[in-house]
Amino acid sequence: MRTYDKVYNLVKKIPRGKVMTYGQIGQMLDLNPRVVGWALNRLAKVKAGFSAKGRPTSGGKPASTVPWQRVINSKGGISTNKLMNIPLDLQKKLLEREGIAFDKNQKIDLKKYLWK
């Protein structure tokens, strides 16, 4: 199985309303966390399948079944706002739709939402 496919298969298992970190996935798959990020960033067609408001645009459903938005950084924050191929705050909006709350510092409570 290809490396990115291993990442996608694990990310697909993250339940709605839960998150994992890049490092957590990297440790489980014996990968550098950056590789996890690259794999998820490669899903550009998924990201392009959403409008700036986070609504699906590809026939009413996302272009992929990989819930990339459920992977966050080790501080409980989102890192996708730095990427040009993802609309600003899209990841946050998708997570909030799943019932995940952010604090005033735009962080997620990992004790509450981290999936192990």
PDB file of N, CA and C in Angstrom:
ATOM      1  N   MET A   1       0.840  -1.179   0.000  1.00  0.00           N
ATOM      2  CA  MET A   1       0.000   0.000   0.000  1.00  0.00           C
ATOM      3  C   MET A   1       0.889   1.249   0.000  1.00  0.00           C
ATOM      4  N   ARG A   2       0.511   2.227  -0.775  1.00  0.00           N
ATOM      5  CA  ARG A   2       1.283   3.464  -0.862  1.00  0.00           C
ATOM      6  C   ARG A   2       1.163   4.270   0.431  1.00  0.00           C
ATOM      7  N   THR A   3       2.169   5.058   0.719  1.00  0.00           N
ATOM      8  CA  THR A   3       2.222   5.841   1.956  1.00  0.00           C
ATOM      9  C   THR A   3       1.002   6.737   2.126  1.00  0.00           C
ATOM     10  N   TYR A   4       0.652   7.501   1.090  1.00  0.00           N
ATOM     11  CA  TYR A   4      -0.482   8.411   1.212  1.00  0.00           C
ATOM     12  C   TYR A   4      -1.779   7.641   1.439  1.00  0.00           C
ATOM     13  N   ASP A   5      -1.905   6.486   0.827  1.00  0.00           N
ATOM     14  CA  ASP A   5      -3.108   5.674   1.028  1.00  0.00           C
ATOM     15  C   ASP A   5      -3.222   5.223   2.482  1.00  0.00           C
ATOM     16  N   LYS A   6      -2.093   4.946   3.116  1.00  0.00           N
ATOM     17  CA  LYS A   6      -2.110   4.578   4.535  1.00  0.00           C
ATOM     18  C   LYS A   6      -2.643   5.737   5.377  1.00  0.00           C
ATOM     19  N   VAL A   7      -2.199   6.942   5.034  1.00  0.00           N
ATOM     20  CA  VAL A   7      -2.675   8.128   5.744  1.00  0.00           C
ATOM     21  C   VAL A   7      -4.184   8.279   5.541  1.00  0.00           C
ATOM     22  N   TYR A   8      -4.627   8.193   4.289  1.00  0.00           N
ATOM     23  CA  TYR A   8      -6.053   8.369   3.990  1.00  0.00           C
ATOM     24  C   TYR A   8      -6.906   7.321   4.698  1.00  0.00           C
ATOM     25  N   ASN A   9      -6.444   6.085   4.728  1.00  0.00           N
ATOM     26  CA  ASN A   9      -7.211   5.023   5.388  1.00  0.00           C
ATOM     27  C   ASN A   9      -7.366   5.283   6.876  1.00  0.00           C
ATOM     28  N   LEU A  10      -6.317   5.780   7.508  1.00  0.00           N
ATOM     29  CA  LEU A  10      -6.404   6.085   8.937  1.00  0.00           C
ATOM     30  C   LEU A  10      -7.302   7.296   9.179  1.00  0.00           C
ATOM     31  N   VAL A  11      -7.159   8.329   8.381  1.00  0.00           N
ATOM     32  CA  VAL A  11      -7.964   9.544   8.558  1.00  0.00           C
ATOM     33  C   VAL A  11      -9.452   9.233   8.360  1.00  0.00           C
ATOM     34  N   LYS A  12      -9.765   8.323   7.472  1.00  0.00           N
ATOM     35  CA  LYS A  12     -11.171   7.939   7.252  1.00  0.00           C
ATOM     36  C   LYS A  12     -11.796   7.323   8.505  1.00  0.00           C
ATOM     37  N   LYS A  13     -10.981   6.811   9.413  1.00  0.00           N
ATOM     38  CA  LYS A  13     -11.481   6.164  10.628  1.00  0.00           C
ATOM     39  C   LYS A  13     -11.775   7.153  11.759  1.00  0.00           C
ATOM     40  N   ILE A  14     -11.320   8.397  11.620  1.00  0.00           N
ATOM     41  CA  ILE A  14     -11.554   9.382  12.676  1.00  0.00           C
ATOM     42  C   ILE A  14     -13.051   9.687  12.721  1.00  0.00           C
ATOM     43  N   PRO A  15     -13.690   9.467  13.862  1.00  0.00           N
ATOM     44  CA  PRO A  15     -15.136   9.706  13.950  1.00  0.00           C
ATOM     45  C   PRO A  15     -15.498  11.188  13.845  1.00  0.00           C
ATOM     46  N   ARG A  16     -16.691  11.426  13.405  1.00  0.00           N
ATOM     47  CA  ARG A  16     -17.233  12.786  13.356  1.00  0.00           C
ATOM     48  C   ARG A  16     -17.179  13.371  14.771  1.00  0.00           C
ATOM     49  N   GLY A  17     -16.742  14.621  14.871  1.00  0.00           N
ATOM     50  CA  GLY A  17     -16.660  15.277  16.172  1.00  0.00           C
ATOM     51  C   GLY A  17     -15.372  14.999  16.922  1.00  0.00           C
ATOM     52  N   LYS A  18     -14.436  14.297  16.296  1.00  0.00           N
ATOM     53  CA  LYS A  18     -13.129  14.009  16.901  1.00  0.00           C
ATOM     54  C   LYS A  18     -12.033  14.448  15.939  1.00  0.00           C
ATOM     55  N   VAL A  19     -10.824  14.609  16.460  1.00  0.00           N
ATOM     56  CA  VAL A  19      -9.674  14.993  15.644  1.00  0.00           C
ATOM     57  C   VAL A  19      -8.461  14.148  16.020  1.00  0.00           C
ATOM     58  N   MET A  20      -7.492  14.146  15.132  1.00  0.00           N
ATOM     59  CA  MET A  20      -6.165  13.592  15.412  1.00  0.00           C
ATOM     60  C   MET A  20      -5.156  14.652  14.984  1.00  0.00           C
ATOM     61  N   THR A  21      -3.935  14.532  15.488  1.00  0.00           N
ATOM     62  CA  THR A  21      -2.891  15.465  15.092  1.00  0.00           C
ATOM     63  C   THR A  21      -2.015  14.838  14.011  1.00  0.00           C
ATOM     64  N   TYR A  22      -1.319  15.706  13.278  1.00  0.00           N
ATOM     65  CA  TYR A  22      -0.387  15.225  12.261  1.00  0.00           C
ATOM     66  C   TYR A  22       0.654  14.310  12.910  1.00  0.00           C
ATOM     67  N   GLY A  23       1.140  14.722  14.080  1.00  0.00           N
ATOM     68  CA  GLY A  23       2.147  13.939  14.783  1.00  0.00           C
ATOM     69  C   GLY A  23       1.633  12.597  15.252  1.00  0.00           C
ATOM     70  N   GLN A  24       0.416  12.581  15.738  1.00  0.00           N
ATOM     71  CA  GLN A  24      -0.205  11.334  16.198  1.00  0.00           C
ATOM     72  C   GLN A  24      -0.309  10.338  15.036  1.00  0.00           C
ATOM     73  N   ILE A  25      -0.769  10.805  13.890  1.00  0.00           N
ATOM     74  CA  ILE A  25      -0.878   9.939  12.716  1.00  0.00           C
ATOM     75  C   ILE A  25       0.502   9.508  12.258  1.00  0.00           C
ATOM     76  N   GLY A  26       1.439  10.456  12.245  1.00  0.00           N
ATOM     77  CA  GLY A  26       2.802  10.126  11.846  1.00  0.00           C
ATOM     78  C   GLY A  26       3.414   9.053  12.724  1.00  0.00           C
ATOM     79  N   GLN A  27       3.181   9.156  14.020  1.00  0.00           N
ATOM     80  CA  GLN A  27       3.728   8.167  14.950  1.00  0.00           C
ATOM     81  C   GLN A  27       3.097   6.800  14.708  1.00  0.00           C
ATOM     82  N   MET A  28       1.794   6.766  14.497  1.00  0.00           N
ATOM     83  CA  MET A  28       1.109   5.489  14.276  1.00  0.00           C
ATOM     84  C   MET A  28       1.568   4.801  12.991  1.00  0.00           C
ATOM     85  N   LEU A  29       1.895   5.618  11.977  1.00  0.00           N
ATOM     86  CA  LEU A  29       2.271   5.057  10.675  1.00  0.00           C
ATOM     87  C   LEU A  29       3.776   5.097  10.431  1.00  0.00           C
ATOM     88  N   ASP A  30       4.543   5.506  11.440  1.00  0.00           N
ATOM     89  CA  ASP A  30       5.990   5.624  11.327  1.00  0.00           C
ATOM     90  C   ASP A  30       6.377   6.573  10.183  1.00  0.00           C
ATOM     91  N   LEU A  31       5.747   7.749  10.196  1.00  0.00           N
ATOM     92  CA  LEU A  31       5.998   8.770   9.179  1.00  0.00           C
ATOM     93  C   LEU A  31       6.304  10.107   9.850  1.00  0.00           C
ATOM     94  N   ASN A  32       7.028  10.940   9.150  1.00  0.00           N
ATOM     95  CA  ASN A  32       7.230  12.309   9.588  1.00  0.00           C
ATOM     96  C   ASN A  32       5.871  13.011   9.504  1.00  0.00           C
ATOM     97  N   PRO A  33       5.484  13.789  10.509  1.00  0.00           N
ATOM     98  CA  PRO A  33       4.194  14.488  10.454  1.00  0.00           C
ATOM     99  C   PRO A  33       4.018  15.358   9.210  1.00  0.00           C
ATOM    100  N   ARG A  34       5.118  15.849   8.669  1.00  0.00           N
ATOM    101  CA  ARG A  34       5.029  16.649   7.444  1.00  0.00           C
ATOM    102  C   ARG A  34       4.517  15.819   6.273  1.00  0.00           C
ATOM    103  N   VAL A  35       4.871  14.560   6.253  1.00  0.00           N
ATOM    104  CA  VAL A  35       4.387  13.667   5.192  1.00  0.00           C
ATOM    105  C   VAL A  35       2.866  13.528   5.293  1.00  0.00           C
ATOM    106  N   VAL A  36       2.370  13.469   6.512  1.00  0.00           N
ATOM    107  CA  VAL A  36       0.922  13.408   6.723  1.00  0.00           C
ATOM    108  C   VAL A  36       0.279  14.672   6.146  1.00  0.00           C
ATOM    109  N   GLY A  37       0.871  15.815   6.434  1.00  0.00           N
ATOM    110  CA  GLY A  37       0.365  17.076   5.905  1.00  0.00           C
ATOM    111  C   GLY A  37       0.410  17.124   4.390  1.00  0.00           C
ATOM    112  N   TRP A  38       1.490  16.638   3.808  1.00  0.00           N
ATOM    113  CA  TRP A  38       1.603  16.624   2.340  1.00  0.00           C
ATOM    114  C   TRP A  38       0.537  15.726   1.724  1.00  0.00           C
ATOM    115  N   ALA A  39       0.311  14.587   2.372  1.00  0.00           N
ATOM    116  CA  ALA A  39      -0.710  13.651   1.857  1.00  0.00           C
ATOM    117  C   ALA A  39      -2.080  14.317   1.855  1.00  0.00           C
ATOM    118  N   LEU A  40      -2.409  15.004   2.938  1.00  0.00           N
ATOM    119  CA  LEU A  40      -3.723  15.647   3.021  1.00  0.00           C
ATOM    120  C   LEU A  40      -3.811  16.845   2.084  1.00  0.00           C
ATOM    121  N   ASN A  41      -2.714  17.567   1.933  1.00  0.00           N
ATOM    122  CA  ASN A  41      -2.707  18.700   1.010  1.00  0.00           C
ATOM    123  C   ASN A  41      -2.872  18.232  -0.435  1.00  0.00           C
ATOM    124  N   ARG A  42      -2.462  17.028  -0.706  1.00  0.00           N
ATOM    125  CA  ARG A  42      -2.583  16.480  -2.060  1.00  0.00           C
ATOM    126  C   ARG A  42      -4.043  16.277  -2.455  1.00  0.00           C
ATOM    127  N   LEU A  43      -4.912  16.286  -1.483  1.00  0.00           N
ATOM    128  CA  LEU A  43      -6.335  16.142  -1.765  1.00  0.00           C
ATOM    129  C   LEU A  43      -6.923  17.464  -2.256  1.00  0.00           C
ATOM    130  N   ALA A  44      -6.188  18.169  -3.081  1.00  0.00           N
ATOM    131  CA  ALA A  44      -6.620  19.478  -3.564  1.00  0.00           C
ATOM    132  C   ALA A  44      -7.986  19.408  -4.226  1.00  0.00           C
ATOM    133  N   LYS A  45      -8.279  18.327  -4.905  1.00  0.00           N
ATOM    134  CA  LYS A  45      -9.587  18.225  -5.545  1.00  0.00           C
ATOM    135  C   LYS A  45     -10.700  18.147  -4.510  1.00  0.00           C
ATOM    136  N   VAL A  46     -10.383  17.629  -3.331  1.00  0.00           N
ATOM    137  CA  VAL A  46     -11.369  17.616  -2.245  1.00  0.00           C
ATOM    138  C   VAL A  46     -11.595  19.042  -1.777  1.00  0.00           C
ATOM    139  N   LYS A  47     -10.509  19.726  -1.544  1.00  0.00           N
ATOM    140  CA  LYS A  47     -10.612  21.092  -1.063  1.00  0.00           C
ATOM    141  C   LYS A  47     -11.301  21.965  -2.095  1.00  0.00           C
ATOM    142  N   ALA A  48     -11.034  21.713  -3.373  1.00  0.00           N
ATOM    143  CA  ALA A  48     -11.682  22.474  -4.433  1.00  0.00           C
ATOM    144  C   ALA A  48     -13.156  22.104  -4.540  1.00  0.00           C
ATOM    145  N   GLY A  49     -13.555  21.011  -3.907  1.00  0.00           N
ATOM    146  CA  GLY A  49     -14.948  20.582  -3.939  1.00  0.00           C
ATOM    147  C   GLY A  49     -15.832  21.324  -2.953  1.00  0.00           C
ATOM    148  N   PHE A  50     -15.291  22.370  -2.288  1.00  0.00           N
ATOM    149  CA  PHE A  50     -16.055  23.152  -1.334  1.00  0.00           C
ATOM    150  C   PHE A  50     -16.008  24.630  -1.703  1.00  0.00           C
ATOM    151  N   SER A  51     -17.088  25.336  -1.449  1.00  0.00           N
ATOM    152  CA  SER A  51     -17.116  26.782  -1.661  1.00  0.00           C
ATOM    153  C   SER A  51     -16.386  27.461  -0.507  1.00  0.00           C
ATOM    154  N   ALA A  52     -16.217  28.757  -0.606  1.00  0.00           N
ATOM    155  CA  ALA A  52     -15.549  29.509   0.454  1.00  0.00           C
ATOM    156  C   ALA A  52     -16.310  29.430   1.772  1.00  0.00           C
ATOM    157  N   LYS A  53     -17.605  29.125   1.724  1.00  0.00           N
ATOM    158  CA  LYS A  53     -18.402  28.990   2.941  1.00  0.00           C
ATOM    159  C   LYS A  53     -18.437  27.557   3.449  1.00  0.00           C
ATOM    160  N   GLY A  54     -17.691  26.668   2.802  1.00  0.00           N
ATOM    161  CA  GLY A  54     -17.621  25.291   3.262  1.00  0.00           C
ATOM    162  C   GLY A  54     -18.727  24.409   2.732  1.00  0.00           C
ATOM    163  N   ARG A  55     -19.458  24.874   1.748  1.00  0.00           N
ATOM    164  CA  ARG A  55     -20.534  24.065   1.168  1.00  0.00           C
ATOM    165  C   ARG A  55     -19.989  23.228   0.026  1.00  0.00           C
ATOM    166  N   PRO A  56     -20.416  21.975  -0.092  1.00  0.00           N
ATOM    167  CA  PRO A  56     -19.959  21.139  -1.200  1.00  0.00           C
ATOM    168  C   PRO A  56     -20.377  21.727  -2.540  1.00  0.00           C
ATOM    169  N   THR A  57     -19.487  21.626  -3.522  1.00  0.00           N
ATOM    170  CA  THR A  57     -19.793  22.164  -4.842  1.00  0.00           C
ATOM    171  C   THR A  57     -19.788  21.107  -5.939  1.00  0.00           C
ATOM    172  N   SER A  58     -19.339  19.913  -5.636  1.00  0.00           N
ATOM    173  CA  SER A  58     -19.228  18.881  -6.665  1.00  0.00           C
ATOM    174  C   SER A  58     -20.439  17.960  -6.635  1.00  0.00           C
ATOM    175  N   GLY A  59     -21.515  18.404  -7.253  1.00  0.00           N
ATOM    176  CA  GLY A  59     -22.714  17.581  -7.304  1.00  0.00           C
ATOM    177  C   GLY A  59     -23.378  17.401  -5.956  1.00  0.00           C
ATOM    178  N   GLY A  60     -23.168  18.337  -5.036  1.00  0.00           N
ATOM    179  CA  GLY A  60     -23.819  18.263  -3.743  1.00  0.00           C
ATOM    180  C   GLY A  60     -23.102  17.421  -2.714  1.00  0.00           C
ATOM    181  N   LYS A  61     -21.928  16.898  -3.033  1.00  0.00           N
ATOM    182  CA  LYS A  61     -21.174  16.116  -2.053  1.00  0.00           C
ATOM    183  C   LYS A  61     -19.678  16.335  -2.244  1.00  0.00           C
ATOM    184  N   PRO A  62     -18.879  16.113  -1.220  1.00  0.00           N
ATOM    185  CA  PRO A  62     -17.431  16.286  -1.356  1.00  0.00           C
ATOM    186  C   PRO A  62     -16.860  15.344  -2.409  1.00  0.00           C
ATOM    187  N   ALA A  63     -15.743  15.759  -2.986  1.00  0.00           N
ATOM    188  CA  ALA A  63     -15.109  14.969  -4.033  1.00  0.00           C
ATOM    189  C   ALA A  63     -14.383  13.750  -3.474  1.00  0.00           C
ATOM    190  N   SER A  64     -14.247  13.655  -2.161  1.00  0.00           N
ATOM    191  CA  SER A  64     -13.549  12.530  -1.545  1.00  0.00           C
ATOM    192  C   SER A  64     -14.204  12.198  -0.206  1.00  0.00           C
ATOM    193  N   THR A  65     -13.976  10.986   0.251  1.00  0.00           N
ATOM    194  CA  THR A  65     -14.518  10.574   1.541  1.00  0.00           C
ATOM    195  C   THR A  65     -13.500  10.730   2.669  1.00  0.00           C
ATOM    196  N   VAL A  66     -12.355  11.315   2.389  1.00  0.00           N
ATOM    197  CA  VAL A  66     -11.327  11.516   3.409  1.00  0.00           C
ATOM    198  C   VAL A  66     -11.639  12.808   4.168  1.00  0.00           C
ATOM    199  N   PRO A  67     -11.955  12.702   5.463  1.00  0.00           N
ATOM    200  CA  PRO A  67     -12.288  13.903   6.247  1.00  0.00           C
ATOM    201  C   PRO A  67     -11.031  14.646   6.704  1.00  0.00           C
ATOM    202  N   TRP A  68     -10.324  15.224   5.754  1.00  0.00           N
ATOM    203  CA  TRP A  68      -9.050  15.901   6.002  1.00  0.00           C
ATOM    204  C   TRP A  68      -9.141  16.954   7.104  1.00  0.00           C
ATOM    205  N   GLN A  69     -10.316  17.545   7.280  1.00  0.00           N
ATOM    206  CA  GLN A  69     -10.478  18.619   8.266  1.00  0.00           C
ATOM    207  C   GLN A  69     -10.289  18.128   9.691  1.00  0.00           C
ATOM    208  N   ARG A  70     -10.337  16.838   9.916  1.00  0.00           N
ATOM    209  CA  ARG A  70     -10.216  16.283  11.267  1.00  0.00           C
ATOM    210  C   ARG A  70      -8.769  16.102  11.722  1.00  0.00           C
ATOM    211  N   VAL A  71      -7.823  16.556  10.926  1.00  0.00           N
ATOM    212  CA  VAL A  71      -6.407  16.470  11.299  1.00  0.00           C
ATOM    213  C   VAL A  71      -5.916  17.883  11.575  1.00  0.00           C
ATOM    214  N   ILE A  72      -5.400  18.076  12.793  1.00  0.00           N
ATOM    215  CA  ILE A  72      -4.977  19.394  13.245  1.00  0.00           C
ATOM    216  C   ILE A  72      -3.547  19.336  13.776  1.00  0.00           C
ATOM    217  N   ASN A  73      -3.016  20.487  14.154  1.00  0.00           N
ATOM    218  CA  ASN A  73      -1.645  20.486  14.671  1.00  0.00           C
ATOM    219  C   ASN A  73      -1.616  20.112  16.158  1.00  0.00           C
ATOM    220  N   SER A  74      -0.444  19.903  16.679  1.00  0.00           N
ATOM    221  CA  SER A  74      -0.273  19.402  18.048  1.00  0.00           C
ATOM    222  C   SER A  74      -0.679  20.407  19.118  1.00  0.00           C
ATOM    223  N   LYS A  75      -0.875  21.656  18.748  1.00  0.00           N
ATOM    224  CA  LYS A  75      -1.305  22.677  19.701  1.00  0.00           C
ATOM    225  C   LYS A  75      -2.820  22.820  19.727  1.00  0.00           C
ATOM    226  N   GLY A  76      -3.508  21.999  18.918  1.00  0.00           N
ATOM    227  CA  GLY A  76      -4.962  22.076  18.868  1.00  0.00           C
ATOM    228  C   GLY A  76      -5.474  23.107  17.884  1.00  0.00           C
ATOM    229  N   GLY A  77      -4.596  23.579  17.032  1.00  0.00           N
ATOM    230  CA  GLY A  77      -4.978  24.593  16.048  1.00  0.00           C
ATOM    231  C   GLY A  77      -5.033  24.035  14.642  1.00  0.00           C
ATOM    232  N   ILE A  78      -5.559  24.855  13.748  1.00  0.00           N
ATOM    233  CA  ILE A  78      -5.599  24.459  12.352  1.00  0.00           C
ATOM    234  C   ILE A  78      -4.430  25.102  11.617  1.00  0.00           C
ATOM    235  N   SER A  79      -3.928  24.403  10.626  1.00  0.00           N
ATOM    236  CA  SER A  79      -2.767  24.888   9.870  1.00  0.00           C
ATOM    237  C   SER A  79      -3.111  25.193   8.423  1.00  0.00           C
ATOM    238  N   THR A  80      -4.331  24.909   8.017  1.00  0.00           N
ATOM    239  CA  THR A  80      -4.677  25.057   6.606  1.00  0.00           C
ATOM    240  C   THR A  80      -4.860  26.501   6.167  1.00  0.00           C
ATOM    241  N   ASN A  81      -4.981  27.449   7.099  1.00  0.00           N
ATOM    242  CA  ASN A  81      -5.141  28.841   6.691  1.00  0.00           C
ATOM    243  C   ASN A  81      -3.886  29.380   6.016  1.00  0.00           C
ATOM    244  N   LYS A  82      -2.799  28.642   6.096  1.00  0.00           N
ATOM    245  CA  LYS A  82      -1.552  29.048   5.458  1.00  0.00           C
ATOM    246  C   LYS A  82      -1.476  28.559   4.012  1.00  0.00           C
ATOM    247  N   LEU A  83      -2.419  27.722   3.599  1.00  0.00           N
ATOM    248  CA  LEU A  83      -2.384  27.129   2.267  1.00  0.00           C
ATOM    249  C   LEU A  83      -3.284  27.908   1.314  1.00  0.00           C
ATOM    250  N   MET A  84      -2.791  28.121   0.124  1.00  0.00           N
ATOM    251  CA  MET A  84      -3.539  28.925  -0.845  1.00  0.00           C
ATOM    252  C   MET A  84      -4.667  28.146  -1.519  1.00  0.00           C
ATOM    253  N   ASN A  85      -4.624  26.824  -1.484  1.00  0.00           N
ATOM    254  CA  ASN A  85      -5.639  26.038  -2.195  1.00  0.00           C
ATOM    255  C   ASN A  85      -6.838  25.679  -1.321  1.00  0.00           C
ATOM    256  N   ILE A  86      -6.886  26.232  -0.108  1.00  0.00           N
ATOM    257  CA  ILE A  86      -8.023  25.992   0.789  1.00  0.00           C
ATOM    258  C   ILE A  86      -8.577  27.350   1.213  1.00  0.00           C
ATOM    259  N   PRO A  87      -9.870  27.573   1.060  1.00  0.00           N
ATOM    260  CA  PRO A  87     -10.452  28.849   1.497  1.00  0.00           C
ATOM    261  C   PRO A  87     -10.193  29.114   2.982  1.00  0.00           C
ATOM    262  N   LEU A  88      -9.948  30.361   3.308  1.00  0.00           N
ATOM    263  CA  LEU A  88      -9.665  30.779   4.675  1.00  0.00           C
ATOM    264  C   LEU A  88     -10.767  30.312   5.623  1.00  0.00           C
ATOM    265  N   ASP A  89     -10.392  29.708   6.724  1.00  0.00           N
ATOM    266  CA  ASP A  89     -11.300  29.234   7.779  1.00  0.00           C
ATOM    267  C   ASP A  89     -12.211  28.073   7.373  1.00  0.00           C
ATOM    268  N   LEU A  90     -11.991  27.464   6.216  1.00  0.00           N
ATOM    269  CA  LEU A  90     -12.830  26.343   5.798  1.00  0.00           C
ATOM    270  C   LEU A  90     -12.729  25.191   6.789  1.00  0.00           C
ATOM    271  N   GLN A  91     -11.516  24.837   7.189  1.00  0.00           N
ATOM    272  CA  GLN A  91     -11.347  23.716   8.121  1.00  0.00           C
ATOM    273  C   GLN A  91     -12.084  23.998   9.428  1.00  0.00           C
ATOM    274  N   LYS A  92     -11.954  25.194   9.949  1.00  0.00           N
ATOM    275  CA  LYS A  92     -12.638  25.555  11.190  1.00  0.00           C
ATOM    276  C   LYS A  92     -14.152  25.425  11.032  1.00  0.00           C
ATOM    277  N   LYS A  93     -14.697  25.917   9.942  1.00  0.00           N
ATOM    278  CA  LYS A  93     -16.141  25.841   9.712  1.00  0.00           C
ATOM    279  C   LYS A  93     -16.620  24.396   9.632  1.00  0.00           C
ATOM    280  N   LEU A  94     -15.846  23.557   8.963  1.00  0.00           N
ATOM    281  CA  LEU A  94     -16.239  22.150   8.843  1.00  0.00           C
ATOM    282  C   LEU A  94     -16.210  21.456  10.198  1.00  0.00           C
ATOM    283  N   LEU A  95     -15.202  21.765  11.006  1.00  0.00           N
ATOM    284  CA  LEU A  95     -15.117  21.160  12.339  1.00  0.00           C
ATOM    285  C   LEU A  95     -16.239  21.669  13.247  1.00  0.00           C
ATOM    286  N   GLU A  96     -16.552  22.934  13.155  1.00  0.00           N
ATOM    287  CA  GLU A  96     -17.647  23.477  13.966  1.00  0.00           C
ATOM    288  C   GLU A  96     -18.971  22.816  13.593  1.00  0.00           C
ATOM    289  N   ARG A  97     -19.155  22.502  12.347  1.00  0.00           N
ATOM    290  CA  ARG A  97     -20.372  21.792  11.926  1.00  0.00           C
ATOM    291  C   ARG A  97     -20.477  20.417  12.560  1.00  0.00           C
ATOM    292  N   GLU A  98     -19.325  19.859  12.924  1.00  0.00           N
ATOM    293  CA  GLU A  98     -19.301  18.542  13.568  1.00  0.00           C
ATOM    294  C   GLU A  98     -19.437  18.663  15.082  1.00  0.00           C
ATOM    295  N   GLY A  99     -19.601  19.872  15.576  1.00  0.00           N
ATOM    296  CA  GLY A  99     -19.782  20.072  17.009  1.00  0.00           C
ATOM    297  C   GLY A  99     -18.507  20.361  17.768  1.00  0.00           C
ATOM    298  N   ILE A 100     -17.416  20.582  17.067  1.00  0.00           N
ATOM    299  CA  ILE A 100     -16.148  20.881  17.717  1.00  0.00           C
ATOM    300  C   ILE A 100     -16.061  22.386  17.966  1.00  0.00           C
ATOM    301  N   ALA A 101     -15.778  22.738  19.214  1.00  0.00           N
ATOM    302  CA  ALA A 101     -15.708  24.144  19.602  1.00  0.00           C
ATOM    303  C   ALA A 101     -14.260  24.624  19.652  1.00  0.00           C
ATOM    304  N   PHE A 102     -14.072  25.877  19.313  1.00  0.00           N
ATOM    305  CA  PHE A 102     -12.767  26.527  19.397  1.00  0.00           C
ATOM    306  C   PHE A 102     -12.807  27.540  20.529  1.00  0.00           C
ATOM    307  N   ASP A 103     -11.679  27.705  21.218  1.00  0.00           N
ATOM    308  CA  ASP A 103     -11.624  28.703  22.287  1.00  0.00           C
ATOM    309  C   ASP A 103     -11.291  30.077  21.697  1.00  0.00           C
ATOM    310  N   LYS A 104     -11.107  31.061  22.559  1.00  0.00           N
ATOM    311  CA  LYS A 104     -10.841  32.431  22.091  1.00  0.00           C
ATOM    312  C   LYS A 104      -9.513  32.540  21.336  1.00  0.00           C
ATOM    313  N   ASN A 105      -8.623  31.566  21.536  1.00  0.00           N
ATOM    314  CA  ASN A 105      -7.327  31.554  20.837  1.00  0.00           C
ATOM    315  C   ASN A 105      -7.360  30.704  19.571  1.00  0.00           C
ATOM    316  N   GLN A 106      -8.577  30.306  19.166  1.00  0.00           N
ATOM    317  CA  GLN A 106      -8.783  29.491  17.962  1.00  0.00           C
ATOM    318  C   GLN A 106      -8.153  28.106  18.090  1.00  0.00           C
ATOM    319  N   LYS A 107      -8.186  27.556  19.301  1.00  0.00           N
ATOM    320  CA  LYS A 107      -7.650  26.224  19.575  1.00  0.00           C
ATOM    321  C   LYS A 107      -8.781  25.288  19.984  1.00  0.00           C
ATOM    322  N   ILE A 108      -8.540  24.001  19.753  1.00  0.00           N
ATOM    323  CA  ILE A 108      -9.480  22.947  20.130  1.00  0.00           C
ATOM    324  C   ILE A 108      -8.983  22.313  21.429  1.00  0.00           C
ATOM    325  N   ASP A 109      -9.875  21.978  22.328  1.00  0.00           N
ATOM    326  CA  ASP A 109      -9.524  21.286  23.560  1.00  0.00           C
ATOM    327  C   ASP A 109      -9.185  19.835  23.220  1.00  0.00           C
ATOM    328  N   LEU A 110      -7.900  19.516  23.161  1.00  0.00           N
ATOM    329  CA  LEU A 110      -7.475  18.169  22.776  1.00  0.00           C
ATOM    330  C   LEU A 110      -7.910  17.118  23.790  1.00  0.00           C
ATOM    331  N   LYS A 111      -8.044  17.489  25.050  1.00  0.00           N
ATOM    332  CA  LYS A 111      -8.508  16.519  26.047  1.00  0.00           C
ATOM    333  C   LYS A 111      -9.932  16.060  25.738  1.00  0.00           C
ATOM    334  N   LYS A 112     -10.700  16.936  25.132  1.00  0.00           N
ATOM    335  CA  LYS A 112     -12.091  16.631  24.841  1.00  0.00           C
ATOM    336  C   LYS A 112     -12.281  15.994  23.452  1.00  0.00           C
ATOM    337  N   TYR A 113     -11.564  16.477  22.454  1.00  0.00           N
ATOM    338  CA  TYR A 113     -11.835  16.097  21.074  1.00  0.00           C
ATOM    339  C   TYR A 113     -10.827  15.140  20.416  1.00  0.00           C
ATOM    340  N   LEU A 114      -9.680  14.913  21.068  1.00  0.00           N
ATOM    341  CA  LEU A 114      -8.664  14.053  20.458  1.00  0.00           C
ATOM    342  C   LEU A 114      -9.128  12.602  20.422  1.00  0.00           C
ATOM    343  N   TRP A 115      -9.022  11.977  19.270  1.00  0.00           N
ATOM    344  CA  TRP A 115      -9.365  10.574  19.106  1.00  0.00           C
ATOM    345  C   TRP A 115      -8.110   9.755  19.236  1.00  0.00           C
ATOM    346  N   LYS A 116      -8.171   8.701  20.059  1.00  0.00           N
ATOM    347  CA  LYS A 116      -6.983   7.874  20.302  1.00  0.00           C
ATOM    348  C   LYS A 116      -7.197   6.479  19.787  1.00  0.00           C
TER     349      LYS A 116
END
